[in-house]
Each structure stands twice: as C-alpha cells, then as structure tokens.
Amino acid sequence: MAAGGFCKLPNGTVVVALNLPRPTADGSGSVRVLVHAHNRARALTRLRNLGMRAVYLRGNAAPPTPDEITAVLHHPDGLIWRTAPDNGVPALELEPVTELWRPIRALLRRQTPAQT
C-alpha cells in the first residue's frame, strides 16, 4: 500500500500527497504526487482519470508538508510530482530535497527509444 495523507485547508479544499511506484516499464523507484482538489474523492479521481487506476488513500500516515502544500497551490494545474526518497523515512522527517516539482504530464509522457 502506498504511503500518503491529506491536509484540509482553511478554504475547505484539500491537498492529497501519495507515494506511488514510478509508472515506467521497470517500475523502479517511487514518486511523491501532490493533488489539490475540492475533496479527497475528487483528488483521487483526478489521478484515476490520468490512468493511475489503483490509487487509494487509507489513513493519514504521510500528510503533505507545508512546503509541499505551498508548491501545489502555486502550480496552475494543482497536480505535481517529484522522486520520492527510498530511505523509508516518513514525509514529515525528510531532509530538504533539492529536486524541483514537475507537472504530472512530465511523469506520464511516454518514453521513446531515443530517451532510454
């Protein structure tokens, strides 16, 4: 089961954060995906509509950090990702990550043979 969590904002919307396996041919590594939506169900529906069918949020073990919330609120699509650390440390205790957040279409873009 993927680690994840959510945070309800003062205006009633939510930010959902999930650690998911990377959707590549080899499936190595994982990514941290952030979604801003009106509620948790709509956030998960946004991911399922992009082809991530088996996405579920059970519990609140790894809620988004304040920096992650700021990043997703400032993105026009409200749906971003970056590589998740593989050290098994909960999200709230992560060391500062230098990798930038990317739009979701960069994750779902199919790789051509020249890119591999």
PDB file of N, CA and C in Angstrom:
ATOM      1  N   MET A   1       0.842  -1.173   0.000  1.00  0.00           N
ATOM      2  CA  MET A   1       0.000   0.000   0.000  1.00  0.00           C
ATOM      3  C   MET A   1       0.892   1.243   0.000  1.00  0.00           C
ATOM      4  N   ALA A   2       0.522   2.221  -0.768  1.00  0.00           N
ATOM      5  CA  ALA A   2       1.291   3.450  -0.896  1.00  0.00           C
ATOM      6  C   ALA A   2       1.080   4.335   0.323  1.00  0.00           C
ATOM      7  N   ALA A   3       2.161   4.957   0.771  1.00  0.00           N
ATOM      8  CA  ALA A   3       2.058   5.901   1.876  1.00  0.00           C
ATOM      9  C   ALA A   3       1.416   7.174   1.358  1.00  0.00           C
ATOM     10  N   GLY A   4       0.643   7.799   2.186  1.00  0.00           N
ATOM     11  CA  GLY A   4       0.008   9.034   1.760  1.00  0.00           C
ATOM     12  C   GLY A   4      -0.729   9.696   2.894  1.00  0.00           C
ATOM     13  N   GLY A   5      -1.291  10.840   2.569  1.00  0.00           N
ATOM     14  CA  GLY A   5      -2.053  11.574   3.548  1.00  0.00           C
ATOM     15  C   GLY A   5      -2.670  12.802   2.909  1.00  0.00           C
ATOM     16  N   PHE A   6      -3.364  13.570   3.720  1.00  0.00           N
ATOM     17  CA  PHE A   6      -4.041  14.747   3.208  1.00  0.00           C
ATOM     18  C   PHE A   6      -4.016  15.841   4.255  1.00  0.00           C
ATOM     19  N   CYS A   7      -4.319  17.049   3.810  1.00  0.00           N
ATOM     20  CA  CYS A   7      -4.414  18.202   4.691  1.00  0.00           C
ATOM     21  C   CYS A   7      -5.568  19.054   4.211  1.00  0.00           C
ATOM     22  N   LYS A   8      -6.501  19.353   5.102  1.00  0.00           N
ATOM     23  CA  LYS A   8      -7.627  20.210   4.750  1.00  0.00           C
ATOM     24  C   LYS A   8      -7.222  21.664   4.971  1.00  0.00           C
ATOM     25  N   LEU A   9      -7.436  22.485   3.966  1.00  0.00           N
ATOM     26  CA  LEU A   9      -7.052  23.889   4.024  1.00  0.00           C
ATOM     27  C   LEU A   9      -8.196  24.734   4.587  1.00  0.00           C
ATOM     28  N   PRO A  10      -7.901  25.943   5.061  1.00  0.00           N
ATOM     29  CA  PRO A  10      -8.947  26.795   5.641  1.00  0.00           C
ATOM     30  C   PRO A  10     -10.098  27.117   4.696  1.00  0.00           C
ATOM     31  N   ASN A  11      -9.857  27.111   3.379  1.00  0.00           N
ATOM     32  CA  ASN A  11     -10.941  27.430   2.447  1.00  0.00           C
ATOM     33  C   ASN A  11     -11.795  26.210   2.106  1.00  0.00           C
ATOM     34  N   GLY A  12     -11.527  25.060   2.735  1.00  0.00           N
ATOM     35  CA  GLY A  12     -12.338  23.868   2.535  1.00  0.00           C
ATOM     36  C   GLY A  12     -11.771  22.877   1.533  1.00  0.00           C
ATOM     37  N   THR A  13     -10.781  23.282   0.743  1.00  0.00           N
ATOM     38  CA  THR A  13     -10.169  22.358  -0.212  1.00  0.00           C
ATOM     39  C   THR A  13      -9.143  21.483   0.508  1.00  0.00           C
ATOM     40  N   VAL A  14      -8.651  20.461  -0.178  1.00  0.00           N
ATOM     41  CA  VAL A  14      -7.663  19.568   0.412  1.00  0.00           C
ATOM     42  C   VAL A  14      -6.456  19.426  -0.507  1.00  0.00           C
ATOM     43  N   VAL A  15      -5.336  19.089   0.092  1.00  0.00           N
ATOM     44  CA  VAL A  15      -4.133  18.701  -0.638  1.00  0.00           C
ATOM     45  C   VAL A  15      -3.850  17.260  -0.237  1.00  0.00           C
ATOM     46  N   VAL A  16      -3.790  16.376  -1.240  1.00  0.00           N
ATOM     47  CA  VAL A  16      -3.521  14.959  -1.022  1.00  0.00           C
ATOM     48  C   VAL A  16      -2.113  14.664  -1.512  1.00  0.00           C
ATOM     49  N   ALA A  17      -1.352  13.945  -0.700  1.00  0.00           N
ATOM     50  CA  ALA A  17       0.007  13.541  -1.062  1.00  0.00           C
ATOM     51  C   ALA A  17       0.079  12.016  -1.030  1.00  0.00           C
ATOM     52  N   LEU A  18       0.636  11.430  -2.089  1.00  0.00           N
ATOM     53  CA  LEU A  18       0.764   9.976  -2.182  1.00  0.00           C
ATOM     54  C   LEU A  18       2.148   9.601  -2.680  1.00  0.00           C
ATOM     55  N   ASN A  19       2.724   8.555  -2.111  1.00  0.00           N
ATOM     56  CA  ASN A  19       3.944   7.954  -2.647  1.00  0.00           C
ATOM     57  C   ASN A  19       3.505   6.767  -3.486  1.00  0.00           C
ATOM     58  N   LEU A  20       3.796   6.820  -4.776  1.00  0.00           N
ATOM     59  CA  LEU A  20       3.356   5.789  -5.709  1.00  0.00           C
ATOM     60  C   LEU A  20       4.556   5.203  -6.435  1.00  0.00           C
ATOM     61  N   PRO A  21       4.441   3.946  -6.894  1.00  0.00           N
ATOM     62  CA  PRO A  21       5.510   3.405  -7.729  1.00  0.00           C
ATOM     63  C   PRO A  21       5.593   4.182  -9.034  1.00  0.00           C
ATOM     64  N   ARG A  22       6.803   4.355  -9.527  1.00  0.00           N
ATOM     65  CA  ARG A  22       7.005   5.091 -10.772  1.00  0.00           C
ATOM     66  C   ARG A  22       6.381   4.313 -11.929  1.00  0.00           C
ATOM     67  N   PRO A  23       5.524   4.963 -12.727  1.00  0.00           N
ATOM     68  CA  PRO A  23       4.849   4.247 -13.832  1.00  0.00           C
ATOM     69  C   PRO A  23       5.752   4.093 -15.054  1.00  0.00           C
ATOM     70  N   THR A  24       6.803   3.288 -14.919  1.00  0.00           N
ATOM     71  CA  THR A  24       7.693   3.014 -16.038  1.00  0.00           C
ATOM     72  C   THR A  24       7.692   1.525 -16.313  1.00  0.00           C
ATOM     73  N   ALA A  25       8.365   1.137 -17.362  1.00  0.00           N
ATOM     74  CA  ALA A  25       8.398  -0.268 -17.751  1.00  0.00           C
ATOM     75  C   ALA A  25       9.023  -1.140 -16.660  1.00  0.00           C
ATOM     76  N   ASP A  26      10.106  -0.649 -16.028  1.00  0.00           N
ATOM     77  CA  ASP A  26      10.751  -1.453 -14.998  1.00  0.00           C
ATOM     78  C   ASP A  26      10.142  -1.239 -13.617  1.00  0.00           C
ATOM     79  N   GLY A  27       9.407  -0.143 -13.427  1.00  0.00           N
ATOM     80  CA  GLY A  27       8.717   0.118 -12.163  1.00  0.00           C
ATOM     81  C   GLY A  27       9.648   0.420 -11.002  1.00  0.00           C
ATOM     82  N   SER A  28      10.901   0.768 -11.283  1.00  0.00           N
ATOM     83  CA  SER A  28      11.848   1.029 -10.212  1.00  0.00           C
ATOM     84  C   SER A  28      11.622   2.405  -9.613  1.00  0.00           C
ATOM     85  N   GLY A  29      11.823   2.504  -8.319  1.00  0.00           N
ATOM     86  CA  GLY A  29      11.688   3.775  -7.633  1.00  0.00           C
ATOM     87  C   GLY A  29      10.240   4.152  -7.356  1.00  0.00           C
ATOM     88  N   SER A  30      10.082   5.281  -6.705  1.00  0.00           N
ATOM     89  CA  SER A  30       8.740   5.772  -6.423  1.00  0.00           C
ATOM     90  C   SER A  30       8.717   7.290  -6.568  1.00  0.00           C
ATOM     91  N   VAL A  31       7.528   7.816  -6.665  1.00  0.00           N
ATOM     92  CA  VAL A  31       7.344   9.252  -6.814  1.00  0.00           C
ATOM     93  C   VAL A  31       6.378   9.755  -5.750  1.00  0.00           C
ATOM     94  N   ARG A  32       6.522  11.007  -5.397  1.00  0.00           N
ATOM     95  CA  ARG A  32       5.603  11.677  -4.471  1.00  0.00           C
ATOM     96  C   ARG A  32       4.714  12.555  -5.330  1.00  0.00           C
ATOM     97  N   VAL A  33       3.416  12.300  -5.294  1.00  0.00           N
ATOM     98  CA  VAL A  33       2.440  13.029  -6.105  1.00  0.00           C
ATOM     99  C   VAL A  33       1.591  13.887  -5.180  1.00  0.00           C
ATOM    100  N   LEU A  34       1.388  15.150  -5.562  1.00  0.00           N
ATOM    101  CA  LEU A  34       0.538  16.073  -4.806  1.00  0.00           C
ATOM    102  C   LEU A  34      -0.631  16.513  -5.671  1.00  0.00           C
ATOM    103  N   VAL A  35      -1.820  16.505  -5.090  1.00  0.00           N
ATOM    104  CA  VAL A  35      -3.033  16.890  -5.811  1.00  0.00           C
ATOM    105  C   VAL A  35      -3.808  17.887  -4.961  1.00  0.00           C
ATOM    106  N   HIS A  36      -4.228  18.987  -5.578  1.00  0.00           N
ATOM    107  CA  HIS A  36      -5.089  19.966  -4.921  1.00  0.00           C
ATOM    108  C   HIS A  36      -6.486  19.817  -5.513  1.00  0.00           C
ATOM    109  N   ALA A  37      -7.495  19.633  -4.669  1.00  0.00           N
ATOM    110  CA  ALA A  37      -8.862  19.425  -5.152  1.00  0.00           C
ATOM    111  C   ALA A  37      -9.859  19.880  -4.094  1.00  0.00           C
ATOM    112  N   HIS A  38     -11.151  19.819  -4.452  1.00  0.00           N
ATOM    113  CA  HIS A  38     -12.212  20.235  -3.532  1.00  0.00           C
ATOM    114  C   HIS A  38     -12.368  19.273  -2.363  1.00  0.00           C
ATOM    115  N   ASN A  39     -12.128  17.987  -2.594  1.00  0.00           N
ATOM    116  CA  ASN A  39     -12.176  16.993  -1.526  1.00  0.00           C
ATOM    117  C   ASN A  39     -11.289  15.803  -1.889  1.00  0.00           C
ATOM    118  N   ARG A  40     -11.137  14.865  -0.938  1.00  0.00           N
ATOM    119  CA  ARG A  40     -10.250  13.728  -1.178  1.00  0.00           C
ATOM    120  C   ARG A  40     -10.715  12.866  -2.339  1.00  0.00           C
ATOM    121  N   ALA A  41     -12.001  12.651  -2.453  1.00  0.00           N
ATOM    122  CA  ALA A  41     -12.522  11.813  -3.535  1.00  0.00           C
ATOM    123  C   ALA A  41     -12.199  12.415  -4.900  1.00  0.00           C
ATOM    124  N   ARG A  42     -12.355  13.711  -5.044  1.00  0.00           N
ATOM    125  CA  ARG A  42     -12.037  14.359  -6.330  1.00  0.00           C
ATOM    126  C   ARG A  42     -10.543  14.319  -6.626  1.00  0.00           C
ATOM    127  N   ALA A  43      -9.718  14.410  -5.596  1.00  0.00           N
ATOM    128  CA  ALA A  43      -8.270  14.329  -5.799  1.00  0.00           C
ATOM    129  C   ALA A  43      -7.889  12.957  -6.348  1.00  0.00           C
ATOM    130  N   LEU A  44      -8.447  11.910  -5.766  1.00  0.00           N
ATOM    131  CA  LEU A  44      -8.148  10.560  -6.251  1.00  0.00           C
ATOM    132  C   LEU A  44      -8.745  10.322  -7.635  1.00  0.00           C
ATOM    133  N   THR A  45      -9.894  10.919  -7.909  1.00  0.00           N
ATOM    134  CA  THR A  45     -10.496  10.795  -9.241  1.00  0.00           C
ATOM    135  C   THR A  45      -9.623  11.452 -10.291  1.00  0.00           C
ATOM    136  N   ARG A  46      -9.006  12.585  -9.956  1.00  0.00           N
ATOM    137  CA  ARG A  46      -8.108  13.239 -10.908  1.00  0.00           C
ATOM    138  C   ARG A  46      -6.958  12.312 -11.296  1.00  0.00           C
ATOM    139  N   LEU A  47      -6.397  11.595 -10.320  1.00  0.00           N
ATOM    140  CA  LEU A  47      -5.313  10.654 -10.617  1.00  0.00           C
ATOM    141  C   LEU A  47      -5.812   9.451 -11.414  1.00  0.00           C
ATOM    142  N   ARG A  48      -6.979   8.946 -11.070  1.00  0.00           N
ATOM    143  CA  ARG A  48      -7.523   7.796 -11.800  1.00  0.00           C
ATOM    144  C   ARG A  48      -7.840   8.158 -13.244  1.00  0.00           C
ATOM    145  N   ASN A  49      -8.277   9.371 -13.482  1.00  0.00           N
ATOM    146  CA  ASN A  49      -8.560   9.814 -14.851  1.00  0.00           C
ATOM    147  C   ASN A  49      -7.288   9.924 -15.695  1.00  0.00           C
ATOM    148  N   LEU A  50      -6.140  10.013 -15.047  1.00  0.00           N
ATOM    149  CA  LEU A  50      -4.866  10.069 -15.755  1.00  0.00           C
ATOM    150  C   LEU A  50      -4.279   8.679 -16.000  1.00  0.00           C
ATOM    151  N   GLY A  51      -4.992   7.641 -15.595  1.00  0.00           N
ATOM    152  CA  GLY A  51      -4.534   6.280 -15.838  1.00  0.00           C
ATOM    153  C   GLY A  51      -3.990   5.567 -14.620  1.00  0.00           C
ATOM    154  N   MET A  52      -3.948   6.225 -13.485  1.00  0.00           N
ATOM    155  CA  MET A  52      -3.471   5.584 -12.260  1.00  0.00           C
ATOM    156  C   MET A  52      -4.672   4.965 -11.556  1.00  0.00           C
ATOM    157  N   ARG A  53      -5.086   3.806 -12.021  1.00  0.00           N
ATOM    158  CA  ARG A  53      -6.354   3.204 -11.603  1.00  0.00           C
ATOM    159  C   ARG A  53      -6.375   2.699 -10.172  1.00  0.00           C
ATOM    160  N   ALA A  54      -5.300   2.165  -9.687  1.00  0.00           N
ATOM    161  CA  ALA A  54      -5.291   1.542  -8.359  1.00  0.00           C
ATOM    162  C   ALA A  54      -4.753   2.497  -7.297  1.00  0.00           C
ATOM    163  N   VAL A  55      -5.271   3.704  -7.249  1.00  0.00           N
ATOM    164  CA  VAL A  55      -4.821   4.700  -6.291  1.00  0.00           C
ATOM    165  C   VAL A  55      -5.851   4.822  -5.185  1.00  0.00           C
ATOM    166  N   TYR A  56      -5.407   4.552  -3.953  1.00  0.00           N
ATOM    167  CA  TYR A  56      -6.289   4.641  -2.797  1.00  0.00           C
ATOM    168  C   TYR A  56      -5.579   5.395  -1.692  1.00  0.00           C
ATOM    169  N   LEU A  57      -6.342   6.041  -0.832  1.00  0.00           N
ATOM    170  CA  LEU A  57      -5.798   6.756   0.312  1.00  0.00           C
ATOM    171  C   LEU A  57      -6.426   6.158   1.559  1.00  0.00           C
ATOM    172  N   ARG A  58      -5.610   5.433   2.296  1.00  0.00           N
ATOM    173  CA  ARG A  58      -6.091   4.825   3.541  1.00  0.00           C
ATOM    174  C   ARG A  58      -5.247   5.381   4.682  1.00  0.00           C
ATOM    175  N   GLY A  59      -5.863   6.151   5.515  1.00  0.00           N
ATOM    176  CA  GLY A  59      -5.142   6.739   6.630  1.00  0.00           C
ATOM    177  C   GLY A  59      -4.486   8.060   6.269  1.00  0.00           C
ATOM    178  N   ASN A  60      -3.704   8.543   7.223  1.00  0.00           N
ATOM    179  CA  ASN A  60      -3.041   9.827   7.050  1.00  0.00           C
ATOM    180  C   ASN A  60      -1.609   9.727   7.571  1.00  0.00           C
ATOM    181  N   ALA A  61      -0.914   8.671   7.158  1.00  0.00           N
ATOM    182  CA  ALA A  61       0.422   8.389   7.673  1.00  0.00           C
ATOM    183  C   ALA A  61       1.481   9.359   7.164  1.00  0.00           C
ATOM    184  N   ALA A  62       1.325   9.867   5.951  1.00  0.00           N
ATOM    185  CA  ALA A  62       2.329  10.763   5.368  1.00  0.00           C
ATOM    186  C   ALA A  62       1.645  11.971   4.749  1.00  0.00           C
ATOM    187  N   PRO A  63       1.116  12.873   5.585  1.00  0.00           N
ATOM    188  CA  PRO A  63       0.438  14.058   5.039  1.00  0.00           C
ATOM    189  C   PRO A  63       1.436  14.994   4.365  1.00  0.00           C
ATOM    190  N   PRO A  64       0.945  15.893   3.520  1.00  0.00           N
ATOM    191  CA  PRO A  64       1.855  16.841   2.860  1.00  0.00           C
ATOM    192  C   PRO A  64       2.474  17.806   3.865  1.00  0.00           C
ATOM    193  N   THR A  65       3.711  18.156   3.625  1.00  0.00           N
ATOM    194  CA  THR A  65       4.398  19.131   4.473  1.00  0.00           C
ATOM    195  C   THR A  65       3.962  20.535   4.049  1.00  0.00           C
ATOM    196  N   PRO A  66       4.224  21.541   4.870  1.00  0.00           N
ATOM    197  CA  PRO A  66       3.876  22.914   4.475  1.00  0.00           C
ATOM    198  C   PRO A  66       4.535  23.348   3.162  1.00  0.00           C
ATOM    199  N   ASP A  67       5.774  22.907   2.919  1.00  0.00           N
ATOM    200  CA  ASP A  67       6.442  23.248   1.662  1.00  0.00           C
ATOM    201  C   ASP A  67       5.746  22.597   0.473  1.00  0.00           C
ATOM    202  N   GLU A  68       5.284  21.362   0.648  1.00  0.00           N
ATOM    203  CA  GLU A  68       4.576  20.674  -0.427  1.00  0.00           C
ATOM    204  C   GLU A  68       3.238  21.341  -0.713  1.00  0.00           C
ATOM    205  N   ILE A  69       2.555  21.769   0.322  1.00  0.00           N
ATOM    206  CA  ILE A  69       1.271  22.458   0.144  1.00  0.00           C
ATOM    207  C   ILE A  69       1.479  23.745  -0.642  1.00  0.00           C
ATOM    208  N   THR A  70       2.501  24.499  -0.279  1.00  0.00           N
ATOM    209  CA  THR A  70       2.800  25.742  -0.999  1.00  0.00           C
ATOM    210  C   THR A  70       3.109  25.469  -2.458  1.00  0.00           C
ATOM    211  N   ALA A  71       3.875  24.418  -2.730  1.00  0.00           N
ATOM    212  CA  ALA A  71       4.244  24.093  -4.109  1.00  0.00           C
ATOM    213  C   ALA A  71       3.021  23.765  -4.954  1.00  0.00           C
ATOM    214  N   VAL A  72       2.121  22.942  -4.449  1.00  0.00           N
ATOM    215  CA  VAL A  72       0.957  22.542  -5.250  1.00  0.00           C
ATOM    216  C   VAL A  72      -0.036  23.688  -5.390  1.00  0.00           C
ATOM    217  N   LEU A  73      -0.152  24.556  -4.405  1.00  0.00           N
ATOM    218  CA  LEU A  73      -1.070  25.692  -4.508  1.00  0.00           C
ATOM    219  C   LEU A  73      -0.594  26.710  -5.530  1.00  0.00           C
ATOM    220  N   HIS A  74       0.711  26.804  -5.743  1.00  0.00           N
ATOM    221  CA  HIS A  74       1.242  27.769  -6.695  1.00  0.00           C
ATOM    222  C   HIS A  74       1.366  27.224  -8.105  1.00  0.00           C
ATOM    223  N   HIS A  75       1.031  25.950  -8.301  1.00  0.00           N
ATOM    224  CA  HIS A  75       1.097  25.375  -9.647  1.00  0.00           C
ATOM    225  C   HIS A  75      -0.268  25.521 -10.311  1.00  0.00           C
ATOM    226  N   PRO A  76      -0.322  25.954 -11.573  1.00  0.00           N
ATOM    227  CA  PRO A  76      -1.624  26.194 -12.220  1.00  0.00           C
ATOM    228  C   PRO A  76      -2.492  24.949 -12.363  1.00  0.00           C
ATOM    229  N   ASP A  77      -1.887  23.756 -12.526  1.00  0.00           N
ATOM    230  CA  ASP A  77      -2.681  22.530 -12.666  1.00  0.00           C
ATOM    231  C   ASP A  77      -3.093  21.952 -11.320  1.00  0.00           C
ATOM    232  N   GLY A  78      -2.354  22.260 -10.261  1.00  0.00           N
ATOM    233  CA  GLY A  78      -2.659  21.695  -8.958  1.00  0.00           C
ATOM    234  C   GLY A  78      -2.358  20.214  -8.877  1.00  0.00           C
ATOM    235  N   LEU A  79      -1.435  19.733  -9.709  1.00  0.00           N
ATOM    236  CA  LEU A  79      -1.100  18.310  -9.755  1.00  0.00           C
ATOM    237  C   LEU A  79       0.373  18.197 -10.140  1.00  0.00           C
ATOM    238  N   ILE A  80       1.236  17.883  -9.162  1.00  0.00           N
ATOM    239  CA  ILE A  80       2.675  17.863  -9.390  1.00  0.00           C
ATOM    240  C   ILE A  80       3.297  16.608  -8.778  1.00  0.00           C
ATOM    241  N   TRP A  81       4.578  16.346  -9.125  1.00  0.00           N
ATOM    242  CA  TRP A  81       5.280  15.180  -8.609  1.00  0.00           C
ATOM    243  C   TRP A  81       6.777  15.431  -8.565  1.00  0.00           C
ATOM    244  N   ARG A  82       7.478  14.617  -7.808  1.00  0.00           N
ATOM    245  CA  ARG A  82       8.936  14.527  -7.831  1.00  0.00           C
ATOM    246  C   ARG A  82       9.327  13.163  -7.263  1.00  0.00           C
ATOM    247  N   THR A  83      10.571  12.786  -7.454  1.00  0.00           N
ATOM    248  CA  THR A  83      11.047  11.489  -6.993  1.00  0.00           C
ATOM    249  C   THR A  83      10.994  11.433  -5.475  1.00  0.00           C
ATOM    250  N   ALA A  84      10.463  10.330  -4.960  1.00  0.00           N
ATOM    251  CA  ALA A  84      10.381  10.147  -3.512  1.00  0.00           C
ATOM    252  C   ALA A  84      11.664   9.490  -3.022  1.00  0.00           C
ATOM    253  N   PRO A  85      12.131   9.863  -1.839  1.00  0.00           N
ATOM    254  CA  PRO A  85      13.328   9.212  -1.304  1.00  0.00           C
ATOM    255  C   PRO A  85      13.032   7.750  -0.991  1.00  0.00           C
ATOM    256  N   ASP A  86      14.027   6.900  -1.160  1.00  0.00           N
ATOM    257  CA  ASP A  86      13.849   5.467  -0.928  1.00  0.00           C
ATOM    258  C   ASP A  86      14.348   5.023   0.441  1.00  0.00           C
ATOM    259  N   ASN A  87      14.535   5.965   1.357  1.00  0.00           N
ATOM    260  CA  ASN A  87      15.086   5.597   2.656  1.00  0.00           C
ATOM    261  C   ASN A  87      14.025   5.203   3.678  1.00  0.00           C
ATOM    262  N   GLY A  88      12.757   5.241   3.325  1.00  0.00           N
ATOM    263  CA  GLY A  88      11.698   4.806   4.221  1.00  0.00           C
ATOM    264  C   GLY A  88      11.385   5.773   5.346  1.00  0.00           C
ATOM    265  N   VAL A  89      11.923   6.972   5.300  1.00  0.00           N
ATOM    266  CA  VAL A  89      11.663   7.964   6.342  1.00  0.00           C
ATOM    267  C   VAL A  89      10.312   8.609   6.081  1.00  0.00           C
ATOM    268  N   PRO A  90       9.465   8.764   7.101  1.00  0.00           N
ATOM    269  CA  PRO A  90       8.176   9.426   6.894  1.00  0.00           C
ATOM    270  C   PRO A  90       8.349  10.827   6.310  1.00  0.00           C
ATOM    271  N   ALA A  91       7.318  11.289   5.624  1.00  0.00           N
ATOM    272  CA  ALA A  91       7.388  12.555   4.885  1.00  0.00           C
ATOM    273  C   ALA A  91       7.708  13.744   5.779  1.00  0.00           C
ATOM    274  N   LEU A  92       7.232  13.745   7.015  1.00  0.00           N
ATOM    275  CA  LEU A  92       7.456  14.903   7.877  1.00  0.00           C
ATOM    276  C   LEU A  92       8.888  14.993   8.384  1.00  0.00           C
ATOM    277  N   GLU A  93       9.664  13.916   8.259  1.00  0.00           N
ATOM    278  CA  GLU A  93      11.021  13.917   8.759  1.00  0.00           C
ATOM    279  C   GLU A  93      12.046  13.908   7.628  1.00  0.00           C
ATOM    280  N   LEU A  94      11.636  14.240   6.429  1.00  0.00           N
ATOM    281  CA  LEU A  94      12.536  14.207   5.288  1.00  0.00           C
ATOM    282  C   LEU A  94      13.579  15.310   5.374  1.00  0.00           C
ATOM    283  N   GLU A  95      14.759  15.002   4.873  1.00  0.00           N
ATOM    284  CA  GLU A  95      15.768  16.040   4.732  1.00  0.00           C
ATOM    285  C   GLU A  95      15.343  16.934   3.575  1.00  0.00           C
ATOM    286  N   PRO A  96      15.825  18.168   3.513  1.00  0.00           N
ATOM    287  CA  PRO A  96      15.455  19.038   2.399  1.00  0.00           C
ATOM    288  C   PRO A  96      15.819  18.392   1.053  1.00  0.00           C
ATOM    289  N   VAL A  97      14.880  18.411   0.142  1.00  0.00           N
ATOM    290  CA  VAL A  97      15.070  17.827  -1.178  1.00  0.00           C
ATOM    291  C   VAL A  97      15.384  18.943  -2.155  1.00  0.00           C
ATOM    292  N   THR A  98      16.412  18.738  -2.963  1.00  0.00           N
ATOM    293  CA  THR A  98      16.801  19.783  -3.904  1.00  0.00           C
ATOM    294  C   THR A  98      16.111  19.622  -5.255  1.00  0.00           C
ATOM    295  N   GLU A  99      15.471  18.485  -5.473  1.00  0.00           N
ATOM    296  CA  GLU A  99      14.787  18.260  -6.750  1.00  0.00           C
ATOM    297  C   GLU A  99      13.545  19.143  -6.841  1.00  0.00           C
ATOM    298  N   LEU A 100      13.306  19.681  -8.026  1.00  0.00           N
ATOM    299  CA  LEU A 100      12.157  20.548  -8.232  1.00  0.00           C
ATOM    300  C   LEU A 100      10.901  19.729  -8.502  1.00  0.00           C
ATOM    301  N   TRP A 101       9.748  20.319  -8.217  1.00  0.00           N
ATOM    302  CA  TRP A 101       8.471  19.694  -8.544  1.00  0.00           C
ATOM    303  C   TRP A 101       8.225  19.825 -10.032  1.00  0.00           C
ATOM    304  N   ARG A 102       7.609  18.811 -10.613  1.00  0.00           N
ATOM    305  CA  ARG A 102       7.331  18.798 -12.051  1.00  0.00           C
ATOM    306  C   ARG A 102       5.839  18.602 -12.292  1.00  0.00           C
ATOM    307  N   PRO A 103       5.339  19.088 -13.417  1.00  0.00           N
ATOM    308  CA  PRO A 103       3.927  18.850 -13.745  1.00  0.00           C
ATOM    309  C   PRO A 103       3.702  17.371 -14.039  1.00  0.00           C
ATOM    310  N   ILE A 104       2.495  16.899 -13.806  1.00  0.00           N
ATOM    311  CA  ILE A 104       2.183  15.475 -13.937  1.00  0.00           C
ATOM    312  C   ILE A 104       2.367  14.977 -15.362  1.00  0.00           C
ATOM    313  N   ARG A 105       2.175  15.819 -16.358  1.00  0.00           N
ATOM    314  CA  ARG A 105       2.331  15.358 -17.744  1.00  0.00           C
ATOM    315  C   ARG A 105       3.764  14.934 -18.042  1.00  0.00           C
ATOM    316  N   ALA A 106       4.748  15.441 -17.285  1.00  0.00           N
ATOM    317  CA  ALA A 106       6.129  15.007 -17.465  1.00  0.00           C
ATOM    318  C   ALA A 106       6.329  13.578 -16.969  1.00  0.00           C
ATOM    319  N   LEU A 107       5.555  13.155 -15.996  1.00  0.00           N
ATOM    320  CA  LEU A 107       5.643  11.794 -15.478  1.00  0.00           C
ATOM    321  C   LEU A 107       4.960  10.802 -16.402  1.00  0.00           C
ATOM    322  N   LEU A 108       3.857  11.215 -16.986  1.00  0.00           N
ATOM    323  CA  LEU A 108       3.056  10.309 -17.797  1.00  0.00           C
ATOM    324  C   LEU A 108       3.474  10.271 -19.249  1.00  0.00           C
ATOM    325  N   ARG A 109       4.386  11.150 -19.649  1.00  0.00           N
ATOM    326  CA  ARG A 109       4.861  11.191 -21.025  1.00  0.00           C
ATOM    327  C   ARG A 109       5.531   9.867 -21.374  1.00  0.00           C
ATOM    328  N   ARG A 110       5.171   9.305 -22.496  1.00  0.00           N
ATOM    329  CA  ARG A 110       5.769   8.042 -22.922  1.00  0.00           C
ATOM    330  C   ARG A 110       7.186   8.275 -23.401  1.00  0.00           C
ATOM    331  N   GLN A 111       8.072   7.364 -23.033  1.00  0.00           N
ATOM    332  CA  GLN A 111       9.462   7.484 -23.439  1.00  0.00           C
ATOM    333  C   GLN A 111       9.647   6.835 -24.803  1.00  0.00           C
ATOM    334  N   THR A 112      10.337   7.546 -25.678  1.00  0.00           N
ATOM    335  CA  THR A 112      10.675   6.991 -26.979  1.00  0.00           C
ATOM    336  C   THR A 112      12.002   6.231 -26.847  1.00  0.00           C
ATOM    337  N   PRO A 113      12.353   5.361 -27.794  1.00  0.00           N
ATOM    338  CA  PRO A 113      13.613   4.623 -27.693  1.00  0.00           C
ATOM    339  C   PRO A 113      14.831   5.526 -27.574  1.00  0.00           C
ATOM    340  N   ALA A 114      14.795   6.722 -28.118  1.00  0.00           N
ATOM    341  CA  ALA A 114      15.924   7.644 -28.029  1.00  0.00           C
ATOM    342  C   ALA A 114      16.123   8.158 -26.610  1.00  0.00           C
ATOM    343  N   GLN A 115      15.062   8.192 -25.775  1.00  0.00           N
ATOM    344  CA  GLN A 115      15.147   8.695 -24.424  1.00  0.00           C
ATOM    345  C   GLN A 115      15.641   7.648 -23.429  1.00  0.00           C
ATOM    346  N   THR A 116      15.623   6.386 -23.785  1.00  0.00           N
ATOM    347  CA  THR A 116      16.039   5.349 -22.845  1.00  0.00           C
ATOM    348  C   THR A 116      17.510   5.105 -22.847  1.00  0.00           C
TER     349      THR A 116
END
